[in-house]
N, C-alpha and C. Protein backbone atom coordinates (compact mmCIF):
# COMPACT_ATOMS: atom_id res chain seq x y z
N UNK A 1 0.84 -1.17 0.00
CA UNK A 1 0.00 0.00 0.00
C UNK A 1 0.89 1.24 0.00
N UNK A 2 0.53 2.21 -0.83
CA UNK A 2 1.31 3.43 -0.89
C UNK A 2 1.19 4.22 0.40
N UNK A 3 2.24 4.96 0.71
CA UNK A 3 2.26 5.73 1.94
C UNK A 3 1.18 6.81 1.94
N UNK A 4 0.95 7.45 0.80
CA UNK A 4 -0.07 8.50 0.71
C UNK A 4 -1.47 7.93 0.94
N UNK A 5 -1.73 6.74 0.41
CA UNK A 5 -3.03 6.12 0.59
C UNK A 5 -3.26 5.77 2.06
N UNK A 6 -2.21 5.37 2.75
CA UNK A 6 -2.33 5.05 4.17
C UNK A 6 -2.69 6.29 4.98
N UNK A 7 -2.05 7.42 4.69
CA UNK A 7 -2.36 8.65 5.41
C UNK A 7 -3.78 9.11 5.12
N UNK A 8 -4.25 8.92 3.89
CA UNK A 8 -5.62 9.30 3.56
C UNK A 8 -6.62 8.46 4.35
N UNK A 9 -6.31 7.19 4.55
CA UNK A 9 -7.20 6.34 5.33
C UNK A 9 -7.25 6.80 6.79
N UNK A 10 -6.11 7.21 7.34
CA UNK A 10 -6.11 7.71 8.71
C UNK A 10 -6.86 9.03 8.84
N UNK A 11 -6.77 9.88 7.83
CA UNK A 11 -7.54 11.12 7.83
C UNK A 11 -9.02 10.81 7.76
N UNK A 12 -9.40 9.84 6.95
CA UNK A 12 -10.79 9.42 6.84
C UNK A 12 -11.31 8.87 8.17
N UNK A 13 -10.51 8.07 8.85
CA UNK A 13 -10.91 7.51 10.14
C UNK A 13 -11.15 8.63 11.16
N UNK A 14 -10.24 9.59 11.23
CA UNK A 14 -10.40 10.71 12.16
C UNK A 14 -11.61 11.56 11.84
N UNK A 15 -11.86 11.77 10.56
CA UNK A 15 -13.02 12.56 10.14
C UNK A 15 -14.32 11.85 10.52
N UNK A 16 -14.37 10.55 10.28
CA UNK A 16 -15.58 9.79 10.63
C UNK A 16 -15.82 9.78 12.13
N UNK A 17 -14.77 9.66 12.91
CA UNK A 17 -14.90 9.68 14.37
C UNK A 17 -15.44 11.03 14.83
N UNK A 18 -14.88 12.11 14.31
CA UNK A 18 -15.34 13.45 14.67
C UNK A 18 -16.79 13.67 14.23
N UNK A 19 -17.15 13.18 13.06
CA UNK A 19 -18.51 13.34 12.56
C UNK A 19 -19.51 12.61 13.45
N UNK A 20 -19.17 11.41 13.89
CA UNK A 20 -20.08 10.64 14.74
C UNK A 20 -20.30 11.37 16.07
N UNK A 21 -19.24 11.90 16.65
CA UNK A 21 -19.38 12.61 17.92
C UNK A 21 -20.19 13.89 17.73
N UNK A 22 -19.92 14.63 16.67
CA UNK A 22 -20.67 15.86 16.42
C UNK A 22 -22.13 15.58 16.08
N UNK A 23 -22.40 14.48 15.39
CA UNK A 23 -23.79 14.11 15.10
C UNK A 23 -24.54 13.80 16.39
N UNK A 24 -23.89 13.07 17.31
CA UNK A 24 -24.51 12.80 18.60
C UNK A 24 -24.76 14.08 19.38
N UNK A 25 -23.83 15.01 19.32
CA UNK A 25 -23.99 16.30 19.99
C UNK A 25 -25.16 17.08 19.40
N UNK A 26 -25.25 17.13 18.07
CA UNK A 26 -26.31 17.87 17.40
C UNK A 26 -27.68 17.26 17.69
N UNK A 27 -27.79 15.94 17.57
CA UNK A 27 -29.07 15.28 17.83
C UNK A 27 -29.47 15.42 19.30
N UNK A 28 -28.49 15.30 20.19
CA UNK A 28 -28.77 15.49 21.61
C UNK A 28 -29.24 16.89 21.93
N UNK A 29 -28.65 17.88 21.27
CA UNK A 29 -29.06 19.26 21.49
C UNK A 29 -30.49 19.48 21.01
N UNK A 30 -30.83 18.94 19.86
CA UNK A 30 -32.20 19.07 19.34
C UNK A 30 -33.20 18.38 20.27
N UNK A 31 -32.83 17.20 20.78
CA UNK A 31 -33.72 16.48 21.69
C UNK A 31 -33.87 17.24 23.01
N UNK A 32 -32.80 17.84 23.50
CA UNK A 32 -32.89 18.63 24.73
C UNK A 32 -33.80 19.84 24.55
N UNK A 33 -33.72 20.49 23.41
CA UNK A 33 -34.59 21.63 23.16
C UNK A 33 -36.05 21.19 23.04
N UNK A 34 -36.28 20.03 22.41
CA UNK A 34 -37.64 19.54 22.24
C UNK A 34 -38.26 19.13 23.57
N UNK A 35 -37.50 18.40 24.40
CA UNK A 35 -38.02 17.90 25.66
C UNK A 35 -37.75 18.84 26.84
N UNK A 36 -37.05 19.94 26.58
CA UNK A 36 -36.70 20.93 27.60
C UNK A 36 -36.00 20.27 28.80
N UNK A 37 -34.97 19.49 28.48
CA UNK A 37 -34.17 18.83 29.52
C UNK A 37 -32.72 19.19 29.25
N UNK A 38 -32.18 20.02 30.10
CA UNK A 38 -30.92 20.71 29.84
C UNK A 38 -29.81 19.86 29.21
N UNK A 39 -28.89 19.24 29.93
CA UNK A 39 -27.80 18.57 29.20
C UNK A 39 -27.98 17.05 29.08
N UNK A 40 -29.15 16.52 29.41
CA UNK A 40 -29.31 15.08 29.47
C UNK A 40 -29.06 14.41 28.12
N UNK A 41 -29.77 14.85 27.09
CA UNK A 41 -29.65 14.19 25.79
C UNK A 41 -28.35 14.55 25.08
N UNK A 42 -27.77 15.71 25.41
CA UNK A 42 -26.47 16.04 24.83
C UNK A 42 -25.42 15.04 25.33
N UNK A 43 -25.46 14.75 26.62
CA UNK A 43 -24.51 13.78 27.18
C UNK A 43 -24.73 12.40 26.57
N UNK A 44 -25.99 12.00 26.49
CA UNK A 44 -26.31 10.70 25.90
C UNK A 44 -25.86 10.66 24.44
N UNK A 45 -26.09 11.74 23.71
CA UNK A 45 -25.71 11.80 22.29
C UNK A 45 -24.21 11.74 22.09
N UNK A 46 -23.46 12.46 22.92
CA UNK A 46 -22.00 12.45 22.80
C UNK A 46 -21.44 11.07 23.14
N UNK A 47 -21.98 10.45 24.19
CA UNK A 47 -21.51 9.11 24.57
C UNK A 47 -21.85 8.11 23.47
N UNK A 48 -23.08 8.16 22.96
CA UNK A 48 -23.47 7.24 21.89
C UNK A 48 -22.65 7.48 20.62
N UNK A 49 -22.42 8.74 20.28
CA UNK A 49 -21.60 9.06 19.11
C UNK A 49 -20.16 8.61 19.29
N UNK A 50 -19.63 8.74 20.49
CA UNK A 50 -18.27 8.29 20.75
C UNK A 50 -18.16 6.77 20.64
N UNK A 51 -19.11 6.07 21.23
CA UNK A 51 -19.08 4.61 21.14
C UNK A 51 -19.21 4.16 19.69
N UNK A 52 -20.15 4.76 18.97
CA UNK A 52 -20.32 4.40 17.56
C UNK A 52 -19.09 4.74 16.73
N UNK A 53 -18.50 5.90 16.98
CA UNK A 53 -17.31 6.31 16.23
C UNK A 53 -16.12 5.42 16.51
N UNK A 54 -15.89 5.08 17.77
CA UNK A 54 -14.77 4.20 18.10
C UNK A 54 -15.00 2.79 17.58
N UNK A 55 -16.26 2.34 17.59
CA UNK A 55 -16.57 1.03 17.02
C UNK A 55 -16.25 1.01 15.53
N UNK A 56 -16.66 2.05 14.82
CA UNK A 56 -16.37 2.15 13.39
C UNK A 56 -14.87 2.23 13.15
N UNK A 57 -14.17 3.02 13.97
CA UNK A 57 -12.73 3.16 13.82
C UNK A 57 -12.03 1.82 14.01
N UNK A 58 -12.42 1.07 15.03
CA UNK A 58 -11.78 -0.22 15.27
C UNK A 58 -12.05 -1.22 14.15
N UNK A 59 -13.27 -1.20 13.61
CA UNK A 59 -13.57 -2.10 12.49
C UNK A 59 -12.73 -1.76 11.26
N UNK A 60 -12.57 -0.47 10.97
CA UNK A 60 -11.76 -0.07 9.83
C UNK A 60 -10.30 -0.44 10.04
N UNK A 61 -9.78 -0.19 11.25
CA UNK A 61 -8.38 -0.53 11.53
C UNK A 61 -8.15 -2.04 11.49
N UNK A 62 -9.11 -2.80 11.96
CA UNK A 62 -8.99 -4.26 11.91
C UNK A 62 -8.96 -4.74 10.46
N UNK A 63 -9.81 -4.15 9.63
CA UNK A 63 -9.85 -4.52 8.21
C UNK A 63 -8.53 -4.14 7.52
N UNK A 64 -7.99 -2.97 7.87
CA UNK A 64 -6.71 -2.54 7.30
C UNK A 64 -5.58 -3.48 7.74
N UNK A 65 -5.61 -3.91 9.00
CA UNK A 65 -4.59 -4.81 9.52
C UNK A 65 -4.63 -6.18 8.87
N UNK A 66 -5.84 -6.68 8.61
CA UNK A 66 -5.95 -7.99 7.97
C UNK A 66 -5.51 -7.95 6.51
N UNK A 67 -5.73 -6.84 5.84
CA UNK A 67 -5.28 -6.71 4.46
C UNK A 67 -3.75 -6.63 4.40
N UNK A 68 -3.14 -5.90 5.35
CA UNK A 68 -1.69 -5.77 5.35
C UNK A 68 -1.01 -7.09 5.72
N UNK A 69 -1.64 -7.87 6.58
CA UNK A 69 -1.05 -9.13 7.01
C UNK A 69 -1.04 -10.18 5.92
N UNK A 70 -1.97 -10.09 4.98
CA UNK A 70 -2.06 -11.09 3.92
C UNK A 70 -1.09 -10.80 2.78
N UNK A 71 -0.62 -9.56 2.67
CA UNK A 71 0.27 -9.20 1.55
C UNK A 71 1.67 -9.64 1.78
């Protein structure tokens, strides 16, 4: 695998992780405004987004590791 392609994959992983966390924050904020419950859903959204983002990150890294090991 080319070195540039590897760096692009790491940038993609970081972007996806940040997007998942920000999506949880945004959805939590909208739910808090709708239900008028101060930081409850924001916290839940950030935690859920973090778990989802790290899960996605680990799956991508595992897939990258298995491809490199076979070459």
